[in-house]
Amino acid sequence: MTLTKYAFVKANWHSDIVSQALVGFNQLIPAAQTDIFDVPGAFEMPLLAKELAGSGQYAAVACAALVVDGGIYRHDFVAQAVVDGLMRAGLDTGVPVLSVSLTPHHFQETEHHMAIYREHFVTKGREAAEAALMIGKTRAALAA
């Protein structure tokens, strides 16, 4: 049985930017096939991603967050933990867990930067959908 539902997890920090990844994702995978889950921040994504992937309901799980440098080194640790956790969730469950979790080197809460990252997240969301579809096709071909 081929699954046609996808889970999309998004962090609420900088939600006006992060939500644009869902816009891009739904340009290729219809909203009717996408279940959306919100978490407080990026750090909370891996556990939920693992639970969703392990549920047997989804062909893939995409996770989106923006981890910014707030002037302390914490963002580096958070970003690394998130990406490692998402990878482990996919490996542990056998379900693709895709990351649209970005950590820009230079981010300022100016309208100019926010506009750039909103557009960038649309592109990255679309790329996550492309990856989910491609992995699904490859796995279906291997199973045939």
N, C-alpha and C. Protein backbone atom coordinates (compact mmCIF):
# COMPACT_ATOMS: atom_id res chain seq x y z
N MET A 1 0.84 -1.19 0.00
CA MET A 1 0.00 0.00 0.00
C MET A 1 0.88 1.25 0.00
N THR A 2 0.64 2.15 -0.92
CA THR A 2 1.39 3.38 -1.01
C THR A 2 0.68 4.47 -0.23
N LEU A 3 1.40 5.08 0.70
CA LEU A 3 0.83 6.17 1.49
C LEU A 3 0.84 7.46 0.68
N THR A 4 -0.22 8.22 0.81
CA THR A 4 -0.31 9.48 0.06
C THR A 4 -0.47 10.69 0.98
N LYS A 5 -0.37 10.46 2.29
CA LYS A 5 -0.46 11.56 3.25
C LYS A 5 0.95 11.94 3.69
N TYR A 6 1.12 13.22 3.99
CA TYR A 6 2.40 13.75 4.43
C TYR A 6 2.17 14.57 5.69
N ALA A 7 3.12 14.51 6.61
CA ALA A 7 3.06 15.34 7.81
C ALA A 7 4.00 16.51 7.62
N PHE A 8 3.57 17.67 8.08
CA PHE A 8 4.40 18.87 8.01
C PHE A 8 4.43 19.50 9.40
N VAL A 9 5.61 19.52 10.00
CA VAL A 9 5.80 20.07 11.34
C VAL A 9 6.48 21.42 11.21
N LYS A 10 5.93 22.43 11.87
CA LYS A 10 6.55 23.75 11.78
C LYS A 10 6.67 24.38 13.16
N ALA A 11 7.83 24.99 13.37
CA ALA A 11 8.12 25.67 14.63
C ALA A 11 7.43 27.03 14.64
N ASN A 12 6.96 27.43 15.80
CA ASN A 12 6.24 28.70 15.90
C ASN A 12 7.14 29.92 16.02
N TRP A 13 8.42 29.74 16.38
CA TRP A 13 9.33 30.89 16.37
C TRP A 13 9.48 31.39 14.94
N HIS A 14 9.31 32.67 14.73
CA HIS A 14 9.37 33.28 13.40
C HIS A 14 8.36 32.63 12.46
N SER A 15 7.17 32.38 12.97
CA SER A 15 6.15 31.64 12.20
C SER A 15 5.77 32.33 10.89
N ASP A 16 5.87 33.65 10.83
CA ASP A 16 5.55 34.34 9.58
C ASP A 16 6.51 33.95 8.47
N ILE A 17 7.73 33.59 8.83
CA ILE A 17 8.72 33.14 7.84
C ILE A 17 8.60 31.62 7.64
N VAL A 18 8.60 30.88 8.75
CA VAL A 18 8.60 29.42 8.70
C VAL A 18 7.37 28.88 7.96
N SER A 19 6.22 29.50 8.15
CA SER A 19 4.99 29.04 7.50
C SER A 19 5.08 29.10 5.98
N GLN A 20 5.98 29.89 5.46
CA GLN A 20 6.13 29.97 4.01
C GLN A 20 6.66 28.66 3.43
N ALA A 21 7.36 27.87 4.25
CA ALA A 21 7.81 26.56 3.77
C ALA A 21 6.62 25.67 3.44
N LEU A 22 5.56 25.78 4.23
CA LEU A 22 4.35 25.02 3.95
C LEU A 22 3.71 25.47 2.64
N VAL A 23 3.76 26.76 2.37
CA VAL A 23 3.25 27.28 1.09
C VAL A 23 3.98 26.60 -0.07
N GLY A 24 5.30 26.56 0.00
CA GLY A 24 6.09 25.92 -1.05
C GLY A 24 5.83 24.43 -1.14
N PHE A 25 5.73 23.77 0.01
CA PHE A 25 5.45 22.34 0.06
C PHE A 25 4.13 22.03 -0.64
N ASN A 26 3.12 22.83 -0.34
CA ASN A 26 1.80 22.60 -0.93
C ASN A 26 1.69 23.03 -2.39
N GLN A 27 2.71 23.61 -2.94
CA GLN A 27 2.72 23.86 -4.38
C GLN A 27 2.88 22.55 -5.16
N LEU A 28 3.47 21.53 -4.51
CA LEU A 28 3.67 20.24 -5.17
C LEU A 28 2.85 19.12 -4.54
N ILE A 29 2.63 19.19 -3.26
CA ILE A 29 1.83 18.19 -2.55
C ILE A 29 0.60 18.91 -2.03
N PRO A 30 -0.57 18.54 -2.51
CA PRO A 30 -1.80 19.28 -2.16
C PRO A 30 -2.05 19.35 -0.65
N ALA A 31 -2.64 20.45 -0.24
CA ALA A 31 -2.96 20.65 1.17
C ALA A 31 -3.84 19.53 1.71
N ALA A 32 -4.70 18.97 0.88
CA ALA A 32 -5.58 17.88 1.30
C ALA A 32 -4.80 16.62 1.69
N GLN A 33 -3.55 16.52 1.24
CA GLN A 33 -2.71 15.37 1.55
C GLN A 33 -1.69 15.70 2.65
N THR A 34 -1.82 16.88 3.25
CA THR A 34 -0.85 17.35 4.23
C THR A 34 -1.51 17.60 5.57
N ASP A 35 -1.04 16.89 6.59
CA ASP A 35 -1.47 17.17 7.96
C ASP A 35 -0.42 18.07 8.59
N ILE A 36 -0.86 19.14 9.23
CA ILE A 36 0.03 20.17 9.76
C ILE A 36 0.07 20.10 11.28
N PHE A 37 1.29 20.17 11.81
CA PHE A 37 1.50 20.12 13.24
C PHE A 37 2.42 21.27 13.65
N ASP A 38 2.02 22.00 14.68
CA ASP A 38 2.83 23.10 15.20
C ASP A 38 3.55 22.66 16.47
N VAL A 39 4.77 23.13 16.63
CA VAL A 39 5.54 22.92 17.85
C VAL A 39 6.08 24.29 18.29
N PRO A 40 6.43 24.43 19.57
CA PRO A 40 6.91 25.73 20.04
C PRO A 40 8.14 26.23 19.29
N GLY A 41 9.14 25.37 19.15
CA GLY A 41 10.38 25.76 18.49
C GLY A 41 11.02 24.58 17.80
N ALA A 42 12.18 24.83 17.21
CA ALA A 42 12.88 23.79 16.45
C ALA A 42 13.25 22.59 17.31
N PHE A 43 13.64 22.84 18.55
CA PHE A 43 14.12 21.77 19.42
C PHE A 43 13.05 20.71 19.66
N GLU A 44 11.80 21.08 19.55
CA GLU A 44 10.70 20.14 19.78
C GLU A 44 10.32 19.31 18.55
N MET A 45 10.90 19.60 17.41
CA MET A 45 10.52 18.91 16.18
C MET A 45 10.93 17.44 16.12
N PRO A 46 12.14 17.05 16.49
CA PRO A 46 12.54 15.65 16.29
C PRO A 46 11.65 14.62 16.99
N LEU A 47 11.25 14.88 18.21
CA LEU A 47 10.41 13.91 18.92
C LEU A 47 9.07 13.73 18.22
N LEU A 48 8.42 14.83 17.86
CA LEU A 48 7.15 14.73 17.15
C LEU A 48 7.34 14.08 15.78
N ALA A 49 8.42 14.44 15.10
CA ALA A 49 8.69 13.84 13.79
C ALA A 49 8.83 12.32 13.91
N LYS A 50 9.51 11.87 14.94
CA LYS A 50 9.67 10.42 15.13
C LYS A 50 8.33 9.76 15.41
N GLU A 51 7.50 10.38 16.23
CA GLU A 51 6.18 9.82 16.52
C GLU A 51 5.31 9.78 15.27
N LEU A 52 5.33 10.84 14.48
CA LEU A 52 4.54 10.88 13.25
C LEU A 52 5.04 9.84 12.25
N ALA A 53 6.36 9.77 12.09
CA ALA A 53 6.93 8.81 11.15
C ALA A 53 6.61 7.37 11.58
N GLY A 54 6.63 7.14 12.87
CA GLY A 54 6.36 5.80 13.39
C GLY A 54 4.89 5.42 13.40
N SER A 55 4.02 6.38 13.12
CA SER A 55 2.57 6.10 13.17
C SER A 55 2.09 5.24 12.01
N GLY A 56 2.86 5.16 10.95
CA GLY A 56 2.44 4.38 9.78
C GLY A 56 1.44 5.10 8.90
N GLN A 57 1.18 6.37 9.17
CA GLN A 57 0.18 7.13 8.42
C GLN A 57 0.76 7.99 7.30
N TYR A 58 2.09 8.21 7.32
CA TYR A 58 2.66 9.22 6.43
C TYR A 58 3.77 8.65 5.53
N ALA A 59 3.77 9.11 4.29
CA ALA A 59 4.82 8.74 3.34
C ALA A 59 6.12 9.44 3.70
N ALA A 60 6.02 10.61 4.28
CA ALA A 60 7.20 11.38 4.70
C ALA A 60 6.75 12.43 5.71
N VAL A 61 7.73 12.93 6.45
CA VAL A 61 7.49 14.00 7.42
C VAL A 61 8.47 15.12 7.09
N ALA A 62 7.96 16.32 6.88
CA ALA A 62 8.80 17.49 6.64
C ALA A 62 8.74 18.39 7.87
N CYS A 63 9.87 18.96 8.24
CA CYS A 63 9.94 19.80 9.43
C CYS A 63 10.61 21.13 9.08
N ALA A 64 10.00 22.22 9.51
CA ALA A 64 10.52 23.55 9.17
C ALA A 64 10.72 24.40 10.40
N ALA A 65 11.87 25.07 10.43
CA ALA A 65 12.19 25.99 11.53
C ALA A 65 13.25 26.98 11.07
N LEU A 66 13.30 28.11 11.75
CA LEU A 66 14.34 29.10 11.55
C LEU A 66 15.03 29.29 12.89
N VAL A 67 16.29 28.88 12.97
CA VAL A 67 17.07 29.00 14.20
C VAL A 67 18.05 30.15 13.99
N VAL A 68 17.85 31.23 14.70
CA VAL A 68 18.67 32.43 14.47
C VAL A 68 19.70 32.62 15.57
N ASP A 69 20.74 33.31 15.22
CA ASP A 69 21.81 33.67 16.15
C ASP A 69 21.35 34.87 16.95
N GLY A 70 21.04 34.63 18.21
CA GLY A 70 20.58 35.71 19.08
C GLY A 70 21.71 36.36 19.84
N GLY A 71 22.95 36.16 19.39
CA GLY A 71 24.09 36.77 20.04
C GLY A 71 24.78 35.85 21.04
N ILE A 72 24.27 34.64 21.16
CA ILE A 72 24.93 33.63 21.99
C ILE A 72 25.11 32.38 21.15
N TYR A 73 25.94 31.47 21.60
CA TYR A 73 26.23 30.29 20.80
C TYR A 73 25.16 29.22 20.84
N ARG A 74 24.12 29.42 21.61
CA ARG A 74 23.07 28.41 21.77
C ARG A 74 22.49 27.96 20.43
N HIS A 75 22.37 28.86 19.48
CA HIS A 75 21.75 28.50 18.19
C HIS A 75 22.52 27.40 17.48
N ASP A 76 23.84 27.39 17.60
CA ASP A 76 24.63 26.33 16.97
C ASP A 76 24.28 24.96 17.55
N PHE A 77 24.15 24.90 18.86
CA PHE A 77 23.83 23.63 19.52
C PHE A 77 22.41 23.19 19.18
N VAL A 78 21.49 24.13 19.16
CA VAL A 78 20.10 23.80 18.83
C VAL A 78 20.02 23.29 17.40
N ALA A 79 20.61 24.00 16.47
CA ALA A 79 20.55 23.60 15.06
C ALA A 79 21.14 22.21 14.86
N GLN A 80 22.28 21.93 15.47
CA GLN A 80 22.91 20.62 15.32
C GLN A 80 22.05 19.53 15.94
N ALA A 81 21.50 19.78 17.12
CA ALA A 81 20.64 18.79 17.78
C ALA A 81 19.40 18.50 16.96
N VAL A 82 18.83 19.54 16.38
CA VAL A 82 17.61 19.37 15.58
C VAL A 82 17.89 18.53 14.34
N VAL A 83 18.91 18.86 13.60
CA VAL A 83 19.22 18.12 12.37
C VAL A 83 19.59 16.68 12.70
N ASP A 84 20.39 16.48 13.75
CA ASP A 84 20.73 15.11 14.16
C ASP A 84 19.48 14.34 14.56
N GLY A 85 18.59 14.98 15.33
CA GLY A 85 17.37 14.32 15.78
C GLY A 85 16.45 13.97 14.63
N LEU A 86 16.33 14.85 13.66
CA LEU A 86 15.48 14.57 12.50
C LEU A 86 16.04 13.41 11.69
N MET A 87 17.35 13.40 11.50
CA MET A 87 17.98 12.29 10.76
C MET A 87 17.76 10.99 11.50
N ARG A 88 17.94 11.00 12.81
CA ARG A 88 17.76 9.78 13.60
C ARG A 88 16.31 9.31 13.54
N ALA A 89 15.36 10.24 13.55
CA ALA A 89 13.93 9.87 13.47
C ALA A 89 13.66 9.12 12.17
N GLY A 90 14.22 9.59 11.08
CA GLY A 90 14.05 8.91 9.80
C GLY A 90 14.72 7.55 9.78
N LEU A 91 15.93 7.49 10.28
CA LEU A 91 16.66 6.22 10.29
C LEU A 91 16.00 5.20 11.21
N ASP A 92 15.50 5.66 12.35
CA ASP A 92 14.87 4.74 13.31
C ASP A 92 13.54 4.19 12.81
N THR A 93 12.81 4.98 12.04
CA THR A 93 11.47 4.57 11.61
C THR A 93 11.43 4.05 10.18
N GLY A 94 12.43 4.38 9.38
CA GLY A 94 12.41 3.99 7.98
C GLY A 94 11.52 4.88 7.12
N VAL A 95 11.05 5.98 7.69
CA VAL A 95 10.21 6.94 6.97
C VAL A 95 11.03 8.20 6.74
N PRO A 96 11.03 8.74 5.52
CA PRO A 96 11.81 9.96 5.27
C PRO A 96 11.36 11.11 6.18
N VAL A 97 12.32 11.70 6.85
CA VAL A 97 12.08 12.89 7.66
C VAL A 97 12.97 13.98 7.07
N LEU A 98 12.33 14.98 6.50
CA LEU A 98 13.02 16.01 5.73
C LEU A 98 13.13 17.30 6.53
N SER A 99 14.27 17.94 6.42
CA SER A 99 14.53 19.16 7.19
C SER A 99 14.48 20.40 6.31
N VAL A 100 13.65 21.33 6.71
CA VAL A 100 13.65 22.69 6.17
C VAL A 100 14.00 23.58 7.36
N SER A 101 15.03 23.18 8.08
CA SER A 101 15.47 23.88 9.28
C SER A 101 16.72 24.66 8.94
N LEU A 102 16.60 25.96 8.91
CA LEU A 102 17.70 26.80 8.45
C LEU A 102 18.26 27.64 9.60
N THR A 103 19.57 27.82 9.56
CA THR A 103 20.28 28.63 10.54
C THR A 103 21.12 29.64 9.77
N PRO A 104 20.56 30.81 9.47
CA PRO A 104 21.32 31.79 8.69
C PRO A 104 22.47 32.39 9.51
N HIS A 105 23.56 32.69 8.81
CA HIS A 105 24.70 33.32 9.48
C HIS A 105 24.37 34.75 9.89
N HIS A 106 23.62 35.42 9.06
CA HIS A 106 23.29 36.82 9.33
C HIS A 106 21.79 37.03 9.15
N PHE A 107 21.10 37.21 10.24
CA PHE A 107 19.67 37.46 10.18
C PHE A 107 19.36 38.63 11.09
N GLN A 108 18.68 39.59 10.54
CA GLN A 108 18.23 40.74 11.32
C GLN A 108 16.74 40.89 11.10
N GLU A 109 16.04 41.24 12.14
CA GLU A 109 14.59 41.37 12.02
C GLU A 109 14.21 42.70 11.37
N THR A 110 14.72 42.90 10.17
CA THR A 110 14.33 44.04 9.36
C THR A 110 13.37 43.52 8.30
N GLU A 111 12.56 44.38 7.76
CA GLU A 111 11.61 43.94 6.73
C GLU A 111 12.35 43.36 5.53
N HIS A 112 13.51 43.92 5.19
CA HIS A 112 14.29 43.42 4.06
C HIS A 112 14.72 41.96 4.29
N HIS A 113 15.33 41.67 5.44
CA HIS A 113 15.76 40.30 5.73
C HIS A 113 14.57 39.36 5.84
N MET A 114 13.52 39.81 6.47
CA MET A 114 12.36 38.94 6.64
C MET A 114 11.76 38.58 5.28
N ALA A 115 11.71 39.54 4.37
CA ALA A 115 11.18 39.27 3.03
C ALA A 115 12.06 38.25 2.29
N ILE A 116 13.36 38.39 2.43
CA ILE A 116 14.29 37.45 1.79
C ILE A 116 14.06 36.04 2.31
N TYR A 117 13.94 35.91 3.62
CA TYR A 117 13.78 34.56 4.19
C TYR A 117 12.39 33.99 3.97
N ARG A 118 11.37 34.84 3.90
CA ARG A 118 10.03 34.33 3.55
C ARG A 118 10.09 33.66 2.17
N GLU A 119 10.68 34.33 1.22
CA GLU A 119 10.79 33.78 -0.14
C GLU A 119 11.68 32.53 -0.15
N HIS A 120 12.75 32.57 0.59
CA HIS A 120 13.66 31.43 0.65
C HIS A 120 12.95 30.20 1.23
N PHE A 121 12.10 30.39 2.22
CA PHE A 121 11.38 29.27 2.81
C PHE A 121 10.35 28.68 1.84
N VAL A 122 9.77 29.49 0.98
CA VAL A 122 8.88 28.94 -0.05
C VAL A 122 9.68 27.98 -0.93
N THR A 123 10.84 28.42 -1.36
CA THR A 123 11.70 27.58 -2.20
C THR A 123 12.09 26.30 -1.47
N LYS A 124 12.51 26.42 -0.22
CA LYS A 124 12.95 25.25 0.54
C LYS A 124 11.79 24.30 0.83
N GLY A 125 10.59 24.81 1.03
CA GLY A 125 9.42 23.96 1.21
C GLY A 125 9.11 23.17 -0.05
N ARG A 126 9.22 23.83 -1.19
CA ARG A 126 9.01 23.16 -2.47
C ARG A 126 10.08 22.07 -2.68
N GLU A 127 11.33 22.36 -2.31
CA GLU A 127 12.40 21.37 -2.43
C GLU A 127 12.14 20.17 -1.52
N ALA A 128 11.60 20.40 -0.34
CA ALA A 128 11.27 19.28 0.56
C ALA A 128 10.18 18.41 -0.06
N ALA A 129 9.20 19.03 -0.69
CA ALA A 129 8.14 18.26 -1.36
C ALA A 129 8.73 17.46 -2.52
N GLU A 130 9.62 18.07 -3.29
CA GLU A 130 10.27 17.35 -4.39
C GLU A 130 11.03 16.14 -3.86
N ALA A 131 11.74 16.32 -2.76
CA ALA A 131 12.50 15.21 -2.17
C ALA A 131 11.56 14.11 -1.68
N ALA A 132 10.47 14.49 -1.03
CA ALA A 132 9.51 13.49 -0.54
C ALA A 132 8.95 12.68 -1.69
N LEU A 133 8.58 13.34 -2.77
CA LEU A 133 8.02 12.65 -3.93
C LEU A 133 9.05 11.76 -4.61
N MET A 134 10.28 12.26 -4.72
CA MET A 134 11.33 11.49 -5.37
C MET A 134 11.67 10.24 -4.56
N ILE A 135 11.78 10.38 -3.25
CA ILE A 135 12.07 9.23 -2.40
C ILE A 135 10.94 8.20 -2.52
N GLY A 136 9.71 8.68 -2.56
CA GLY A 136 8.57 7.77 -2.71
C GLY A 136 8.62 6.99 -4.01
N LYS A 137 8.95 7.67 -5.10
CA LYS A 137 9.05 6.99 -6.40
C LYS A 137 10.19 5.96 -6.40
N THR A 138 11.31 6.34 -5.83
CA THR A 138 12.45 5.42 -5.78
C THR A 138 12.12 4.19 -4.96
N ARG A 139 11.49 4.39 -3.81
CA ARG A 139 11.13 3.25 -2.97
C ARG A 139 10.08 2.36 -3.64
N ALA A 140 9.15 2.97 -4.36
CA ALA A 140 8.13 2.17 -5.08
C ALA A 140 8.80 1.34 -6.17
N ALA A 141 9.77 1.92 -6.86
CA ALA A 141 10.48 1.18 -7.91
C ALA A 141 11.30 0.02 -7.31
N LEU A 142 11.88 0.23 -6.16
CA LEU A 142 12.64 -0.84 -5.51
C LEU A 142 11.74 -1.97 -5.06
N ALA A 143 10.52 -1.64 -4.66
CA ALA A 143 9.57 -2.64 -4.17
C ALA A 143 8.96 -3.45 -5.30
N ALA A 144 8.99 -2.90 -6.51
CA ALA A 144 8.35 -3.56 -7.66
C ALA A 144 9.11 -4.76 -8.16
